[in-house]
C-alpha atoms as a PDB file:
ATOM      1  CA  UNK A   1      72.340 -24.175  93.090  1.00  0.00           C
ATOM      2  CA  UNK A   2      75.196 -24.205  90.628  1.00  0.00           C
ATOM      3  CA  UNK A   3      77.446 -26.992  90.441  1.00  0.00           C
ATOM      4  CA  UNK A   4      80.471 -24.487  89.719  1.00  0.00           C
ATOM      5  CA  UNK A   5      80.336 -23.049  93.264  1.00  0.00           C
ATOM      6  CA  UNK A   6      82.105 -22.074  95.006  1.00  0.00           C
ATOM      7  CA  UNK A   7      83.964 -19.686  92.721  1.00  0.00           C
ATOM      8  CA  UNK A   8      87.557 -18.959  93.502  1.00  0.00           C
ATOM      9  CA  UNK A   9      88.934 -15.384  92.803  1.00  0.00           C
ATOM     10  CA  UNK A  10      92.126 -13.492  93.063  1.00  0.00           C
ATOM     11  CA  UNK A  11      92.279  -9.951  94.112  1.00  0.00           C
ATOM     12  CA  UNK A  12      95.172  -7.348  94.966  1.00  0.00           C
ATOM     13  CA  UNK A  13      95.985  -4.749  97.200  1.00  0.00           C
ATOM     14  CA  UNK A  14      98.058  -2.572  94.933  1.00  0.00           C
ATOM     15  CA  UNK A  15     100.374  -0.010  96.187  1.00  0.00           C
ATOM     16  CA  UNK A  16     101.760   2.815  94.249  1.00  0.00           C
ATOM     17  CA  UNK A  17     105.041   4.830  94.734  1.00  0.00           C
ATOM     18  CA  UNK A  18     103.569   7.149  97.245  1.00  0.00           C
ATOM     19  CA  UNK A  19     102.219   4.046  99.392  1.00  0.00           C
ATOM     20  CA  UNK A  20      98.494   4.749  98.238  1.00  0.00           C
ATOM     21  CA  UNK A  21      96.163   1.828  97.860  1.00  0.00           C
ATOM     22  CA  UNK A  22      94.101   1.313  94.664  1.00  0.00           C
ATOM     23  CA  UNK A  23      90.528   0.913  94.775  1.00  0.00           C
ATOM     24  CA  UNK A  24      87.822   0.810  91.904  1.00  0.00           C
ATOM     25  CA  UNK A  25      84.288   1.815  92.242  1.00  0.00           C
ATOM     26  CA  UNK A  26      82.066  -1.008  91.390  1.00  0.00           C
ATOM     27  CA  UNK A  27      79.695  -0.699  88.185  1.00  0.00           C
ATOM     28  CA  UNK A  28      77.514  -3.618  88.439  1.00  0.00           C
ATOM     29  CA  UNK A  29      75.137  -5.188  91.019  1.00  0.00           C
ATOM     30  CA  UNK A  30      75.269  -6.325  93.790  1.00  0.00           C
ATOM     31  CA  UNK A  31      76.949  -3.140  95.692  1.00  0.00           C
ATOM     32  CA  UNK A  32      77.083  -1.051  92.686  1.00  0.00           C
ATOM     33  CA  UNK A  33      78.726   2.412  93.714  1.00  0.00           C
ATOM     34  CA  UNK A  34      80.810   0.901  96.467  1.00  0.00           C
ATOM     35  CA  UNK A  35      84.531   1.017  96.490  1.00  0.00           C
ATOM     36  CA  UNK A  36      86.318  -2.452  95.941  1.00  0.00           C
ATOM     37  CA  UNK A  37      89.734  -4.126  95.670  1.00  0.00           C
ATOM     38  CA  UNK A  38      90.143  -4.963  92.114  1.00  0.00           C
ATOM     39  CA  UNK A  39      90.282  -8.734  91.271  1.00  0.00           C
ATOM     40  CA  UNK A  40      88.339 -11.507  89.547  1.00  0.00           C
ATOM     41  CA  UNK A  41      88.103 -15.186  88.748  1.00  0.00           C
ATOM     42  CA  UNK A  42      90.909 -17.641  88.685  1.00  0.00           C
ATOM     43  CA  UNK A  43      90.743 -19.482  85.269  1.00  0.00           C
ATOM     44  CA  UNK A  44      91.591 -23.101  84.772  1.00  0.00           C
ATOM     45  CA  UNK A  45      95.252 -23.905  85.171  1.00  0.00           C
ATOM     46  CA  UNK A  46      96.036 -20.312  86.045  1.00  0.00           C
ATOM     47  CA  UNK A  47      98.164 -19.390  89.128  1.00  0.00           C
ATOM     48  CA  UNK A  48      96.819 -16.921  91.998  1.00  0.00           C
ATOM     49  CA  UNK A  49      99.401 -14.541  91.029  1.00  0.00           C
ATOM     50  CA  UNK A  50      98.785 -14.578  87.278  1.00  0.00           C
ATOM     51  CA  UNK A  51      95.077 -14.383  87.695  1.00  0.00           C
ATOM     52  CA  UNK A  52      95.525 -11.236  89.714  1.00  0.00           C
ATOM     53  CA  UNK A  53      97.969  -9.580  87.358  1.00  0.00           C
ATOM     54  CA  UNK A  54      95.654 -10.499  84.518  1.00  0.00           C
ATOM     55  CA  UNK A  55      92.495  -9.246  86.304  1.00  0.00           C
ATOM     56  CA  UNK A  56      94.352  -5.850  87.511  1.00  0.00           C
ATOM     57  CA  UNK A  57      95.340  -5.364  83.779  1.00  0.00           C
ATOM     58  CA  UNK A  58      92.065  -6.148  82.254  1.00  0.00           C
ATOM     59  CA  UNK A  59      89.970  -3.972  84.884  1.00  0.00           C
ATOM     60  CA  UNK A  60      92.464  -1.062  85.211  1.00  0.00           C
ATOM     61  CA  UNK A  61      94.801  -1.035  82.482  1.00  0.00           C
ATOM     62  CA  UNK A  62      97.731  -1.091  85.063  1.00  0.00           C
ATOM     63  CA  UNK A  63     100.769  -3.302  85.267  1.00  0.00           C
ATOM     64  CA  UNK A  64     101.457  -4.897  88.655  1.00  0.00           C
ATOM     65  CA  UNK A  65     104.003  -6.980  90.284  1.00  0.00           C
ATOM     66  CA  UNK A  66     102.161  -9.701  92.602  1.00  0.00           C
ATOM     67  CA  UNK A  67     103.849 -10.197  95.747  1.00  0.00           C
ATOM     68  CA  UNK A  68     103.021 -12.249  98.915  1.00  0.00           C
ATOM     69  CA  UNK A  69      99.471 -13.485  99.706  1.00  0.00           C
ATOM     70  CA  UNK A  70      97.641 -11.737 102.302  1.00  0.00           C
ATOM     71  CA  UNK A  71      94.675 -13.874 103.350  1.00  0.00           C
ATOM     72  CA  UNK A  72      91.803 -15.744 101.973  1.00  0.00           C
ATOM     73  CA  UNK A  73      88.050 -14.736 102.480  1.00  0.00           C
ATOM     74  CA  UNK A  74      84.734 -16.330 101.987  1.00  0.00           C
ATOM     75  CA  UNK A  75      81.437 -14.959 100.850  1.00  0.00           C
ATOM     76  CA  UNK A  76      78.311 -17.327 101.299  1.00  0.00           C
ATOM     77  CA  UNK A  77      74.935 -16.011 100.154  1.00  0.00           C
ATOM     78  CA  UNK A  78      72.671 -19.004  99.502  1.00  0.00           C
ATOM     79  CA  UNK A  79      71.523 -20.070  97.114  1.00  0.00           C
ATOM     80  CA  UNK A  80      73.578 -18.733  94.242  1.00  0.00           C
ATOM     81  CA  UNK A  81      76.816 -16.942  95.721  1.00  0.00           C
ATOM     82  CA  UNK A  82      79.850 -18.795  97.443  1.00  0.00           C
ATOM     83  CA  UNK A  83      83.095 -17.404  96.666  1.00  0.00           C
ATOM     84  CA  UNK A  84      86.491 -17.707  97.995  1.00  0.00           C
ATOM     85  CA  UNK A  85      88.825 -14.720  97.370  1.00  0.00           C
ATOM     86  CA  UNK A  86      92.446 -14.770  97.664  1.00  0.00           C
ATOM     87  CA  UNK A  87      94.059 -11.327  98.379  1.00  0.00           C
ATOM     88  CA  UNK A  88      97.642 -10.677  97.695  1.00  0.00           C
ATOM     89  CA  UNK A  89      99.956  -7.638  97.897  1.00  0.00           C
ATOM     90  CA  UNK A  90     100.813  -6.012  94.517  1.00  0.00           C
ATOM     91  CA  UNK A  91     103.052  -3.131  93.534  1.00  0.00           C
ATOM     92  CA  UNK A  92     102.389  -0.893  90.616  1.00  0.00           C
ATOM     93  CA  UNK A  93     105.132  -0.943  87.909  1.00  0.00           C
ATOM     94  CA  UNK A  94     103.254   0.738  84.742  1.00  0.00           C
ATOM     95  CA  UNK A  95     100.365   1.041  82.563  1.00  0.00           C
ATOM     96  CA  UNK A  96      97.806   3.915  82.281  1.00  0.00           C
ATOM     97  CA  UNK A  97      94.878   3.811  84.537  1.00  0.00           C
ATOM     98  CA  UNK A  98      91.558   3.264  82.993  1.00  0.00           C
ATOM     99  CA  UNK A  99      88.408   1.760  84.486  1.00  0.00           C
ATOM    100  CA  UNK A 100      86.942  -1.129  82.673  1.00  0.00           C
ATOM    101  CA  UNK A 101      83.035  -2.046  82.302  1.00  0.00           C
ATOM    102  CA  UNK A 102      83.064  -3.640  85.639  1.00  0.00           C
ATOM    103  CA  UNK A 103      84.506  -0.432  87.392  1.00  0.00           C
ATOM    104  CA  UNK A 104      83.218   3.281  86.737  1.00  0.00           C
ATOM    105  CA  UNK A 105      86.150   4.819  88.460  1.00  0.00           C
ATOM    106  CA  UNK A 106      89.570   4.094  89.807  1.00  0.00           C
ATOM    107  CA  UNK A 107      91.502   5.973  92.495  1.00  0.00           C
ATOM    108  CA  UNK A 108      94.685   5.502  94.427  1.00  0.00           C
ATOM    109  CA  UNK A 109      93.685   6.509  98.127  1.00  0.00           C
ATOM    110  CA  UNK A 110      96.128   7.489 100.972  1.00  0.00           C
ATOM    111  CA  UNK A 111      95.927   5.668 104.169  1.00  0.00           C
ATOM    112  CA  UNK A 112      94.299   8.767 105.760  1.00  0.00           C
ATOM    113  CA  UNK A 113      91.539   8.694 103.023  1.00  0.00           C
ATOM    114  CA  UNK A 114      90.829   4.829 103.202  1.00  0.00           C
ATOM    115  CA  UNK A 115      88.851   4.805 106.450  1.00  0.00           C
ATOM    116  CA  UNK A 116      86.280   7.512 104.985  1.00  0.00           C
ATOM    117  CA  UNK A 117      85.824   5.455 101.749  1.00  0.00           C
ATOM    118  CA  UNK A 118      82.467   3.779 101.234  1.00  0.00           C
ATOM    119  CA  UNK A 119      83.354   0.123 100.579  1.00  0.00           C
ATOM    120  CA  UNK A 120      81.626  -3.222 100.864  1.00  0.00           C
ATOM    121  CA  UNK A 121      81.765  -4.953 104.265  1.00  0.00           C
ATOM    122  CA  UNK A 122      84.197  -7.549 103.122  1.00  0.00           C
ATOM    123  CA  UNK A 123      86.579  -4.785 101.594  1.00  0.00           C
ATOM    124  CA  UNK A 124      86.562  -2.797 105.025  1.00  0.00           C
ATOM    125  CA  UNK A 125      87.292  -6.104 106.795  1.00  0.00           C
ATOM    126  CA  UNK A 126      90.265  -6.848 104.417  1.00  0.00           C
ATOM    127  CA  UNK A 127      91.550  -3.373 104.706  1.00  0.00           C
ATOM    128  CA  UNK A 128      91.323  -3.544 108.643  1.00  0.00           C
ATOM    129  CA  UNK A 129      92.888  -7.046 108.546  1.00  0.00           C
ATOM    130  CA  UNK A 130      95.832  -5.579 106.373  1.00  0.00           C
ATOM    131  CA  UNK A 131      96.271  -2.799 108.883  1.00  0.00           C
ATOM    132  CA  UNK A 132      95.356  -0.133 106.480  1.00  0.00           C
ATOM    133  CA  UNK A 133      92.502   1.248 108.403  1.00  0.00           C
ATOM    134  CA  UNK A 134      91.288   0.925 111.921  1.00  0.00           C
ATOM    135  CA  UNK A 135      89.130  -1.917 112.811  1.00  0.00           C
ATOM    136  CA  UNK A 136      88.448  -4.938 114.563  1.00  0.00           C
ATOM    137  CA  UNK A 137      91.154  -6.681 112.971  1.00  0.00           C
ATOM    138  CA  UNK A 138      93.077  -9.361 114.866  1.00  0.00           C
ATOM    139  CA  UNK A 139      96.904  -8.992 114.311  1.00  0.00           C
ATOM    140  CA  UNK A 140      98.572 -11.362 111.822  1.00  0.00           C
ATOM    141  CA  UNK A 141      99.181 -14.894 113.358  1.00  0.00           C
ATOM    142  CA  UNK A 142     102.905 -15.826 113.850  1.00  0.00           C
ATOM    143  CA  UNK A 143     102.611 -18.324 111.017  1.00  0.00           C
ATOM    144  CA  UNK A 144     101.269 -15.622 108.635  1.00  0.00           C
ATOM    145  CA  UNK A 145     104.590 -13.713 109.289  1.00  0.00           C
ATOM    146  CA  UNK A 146     107.697 -14.409 107.281  1.00  0.00           C
ATOM    147  CA  UNK A 147     110.939 -13.207 108.481  1.00  0.00           C
ATOM    148  CA  UNK A 148     114.064 -14.007 106.730  1.00  0.00           C
ATOM    149  CA  UNK A 149     116.896 -13.779 109.243  1.00  0.00           C
ATOM    150  CA  UNK A 150     120.389 -14.577 108.505  1.00  0.00           C
ATOM    151  CA  UNK A 151     122.716 -15.315 111.560  1.00  0.00           C
ATOM    152  CA  UNK A 152     126.467 -15.036 110.997  1.00  0.00           C
ATOM    153  CA  UNK A 153     128.912 -15.913 113.646  1.00  0.00           C
ATOM    154  CA  UNK A 154     131.230 -12.823 114.417  1.00  0.00           C
ATOM    155  CA  UNK A 155     134.387 -13.720 115.973  1.00  0.00           C
ATOM    156  CA  UNK A 156     135.022 -11.577 119.169  1.00  0.00           C
ATOM    157  CA  UNK A 157     138.755 -10.942 120.249  1.00  0.00           C
ATOM    158  CA  UNK A 158     139.572 -12.733 123.308  1.00  0.00           C
ATOM    159  CA  UNK A 159     136.422 -15.200 123.128  1.00  0.00           C
ATOM    160  CA  UNK A 160     136.739 -18.944 123.384  1.00  0.00           C
ATOM    161  CA  UNK A 161     135.000 -22.053 123.989  1.00  0.00           C
ATOM    162  CA  UNK A 162     135.827 -22.267 127.741  1.00  0.00           C
ATOM    163  CA  UNK A 163     134.467 -18.527 128.340  1.00  0.00           C
ATOM    164  CA  UNK A 164     130.990 -19.229 127.032  1.00  0.00           C
ATOM    165  CA  UNK A 165     128.326 -19.813 129.506  1.00  0.00           C
ATOM    166  CA  UNK A 166     125.553 -22.264 129.132  1.00  0.00           C
ATOM    167  CA  UNK A 167     122.232 -21.116 129.732  1.00  0.00           C
ATOM    168  CA  UNK A 168     120.275 -24.382 128.748  1.00  0.00           C
ATOM    169  CA  UNK A 169     118.734 -26.337 131.653  1.00  0.00           C
ATOM    170  CA  UNK A 170     118.572 -29.626 129.718  1.00  0.00           C
ATOM    171  CA  UNK A 171     121.349 -32.220 130.538  1.00  0.00           C
ATOM    172  CA  UNK A 172     124.710 -31.539 128.559  1.00  0.00           C
ATOM    173  CA  UNK A 173     125.588 -34.232 125.937  1.00  0.00           C
ATOM    174  CA  UNK A 174     129.148 -34.634 125.639  1.00  0.00           C
ATOM    175  CA  UNK A 175     130.353 -33.240 122.164  1.00  0.00           C
ATOM    176  CA  UNK A 176     133.082 -34.507 120.020  1.00  0.00           C
ATOM    177  CA  UNK A 177     136.123 -32.208 120.240  1.00  0.00           C
ATOM    178  CA  UNK A 178     136.418 -30.100 117.314  1.00  0.00           C
ATOM    179  CA  UNK A 179     139.362 -30.347 114.982  1.00  0.00           C
ATOM    180  CA  UNK A 180     141.641 -27.230 115.097  1.00  0.00           C
ATOM    181  CA  UNK A 181     140.865 -26.515 111.558  1.00  0.00           C
ATOM    182  CA  UNK A 182     137.434 -25.555 112.347  1.00  0.00           C
ATOM    183  CA  UNK A 183     138.078 -23.428 115.077  1.00  0.00           C
ATOM    184  CA  UNK A 184     137.820 -19.477 114.271  1.00  0.00           C
ATOM    185  CA  UNK A 185     138.418 -17.965 117.781  1.00  0.00           C
ATOM    186  CA  UNK A 186     142.349 -17.816 117.324  1.00  0.00           C
ATOM    187  CA  UNK A 187     142.123 -16.117 113.744  1.00  0.00           C
ATOM    188  CA  UNK A 188     143.394 -12.389 113.645  1.00  0.00           C
ATOM    189  CA  UNK A 189     140.639  -9.859 113.399  1.00  0.00           C
ATOM    190  CA  UNK A 190     140.605  -6.604 111.783  1.00  0.00           C
ATOM    191  CA  UNK A 191     139.560  -4.892 114.784  1.00  0.00           C
ATOM    192  CA  UNK A 192     141.845  -6.658 116.996  1.00  0.00           C
ATOM    193  CA  UNK A 193     144.152  -3.917 119.169  1.00  0.00           C
ATOM    194  CA  UNK A 194     147.362  -6.123 118.591  1.00  0.00           C
ATOM    195  CA  UNK A 195     147.137  -5.471 114.788  1.00  0.00           C
ATOM    196  CA  UNK A 196     146.576  -1.671 114.834  1.00  0.00           C
ATOM    197  CA  UNK A 197     150.023  -0.665 115.803  1.00  0.00           C
END
């Protein structure tokens, strides 16, 4: 068994402007002839994103923008294969497609075509987990989703602190009175009917 195991790799689900997904036909064993998600080994002191962008350019001739990480998958086949592969989303931004020695062919597949493509079992699982093909995929866990929400208070004509209804069942802690400089409920509003005449 190799002391260098497990190997860590970075692969990229690349979308083009037509929302198609890039796959490459594997040109070496194991799994020769199967369609795979391009990627490769992360070199020492290389970031996950840098490794994915480099591998895509080396294997496909394409230039990509690496986006959020999608998931980490593990392959264990004792005694010689133990790999961790980190998948990220990517967007095509340039380059000319050309398959490298590792891949015999490149193709962007529509979402309708992806389910019919002969892939490795791992690639099928990744595509299903990403919601790109039907499968036994579990929905993304809540902590895997990132929502950037911004809440902005909007003054409403006639609303004030006395008119607010409290919903909390917890005992209320007395609050310090607000200084008049911080109040916003008595400011003139652009949509206030008293200003429109």
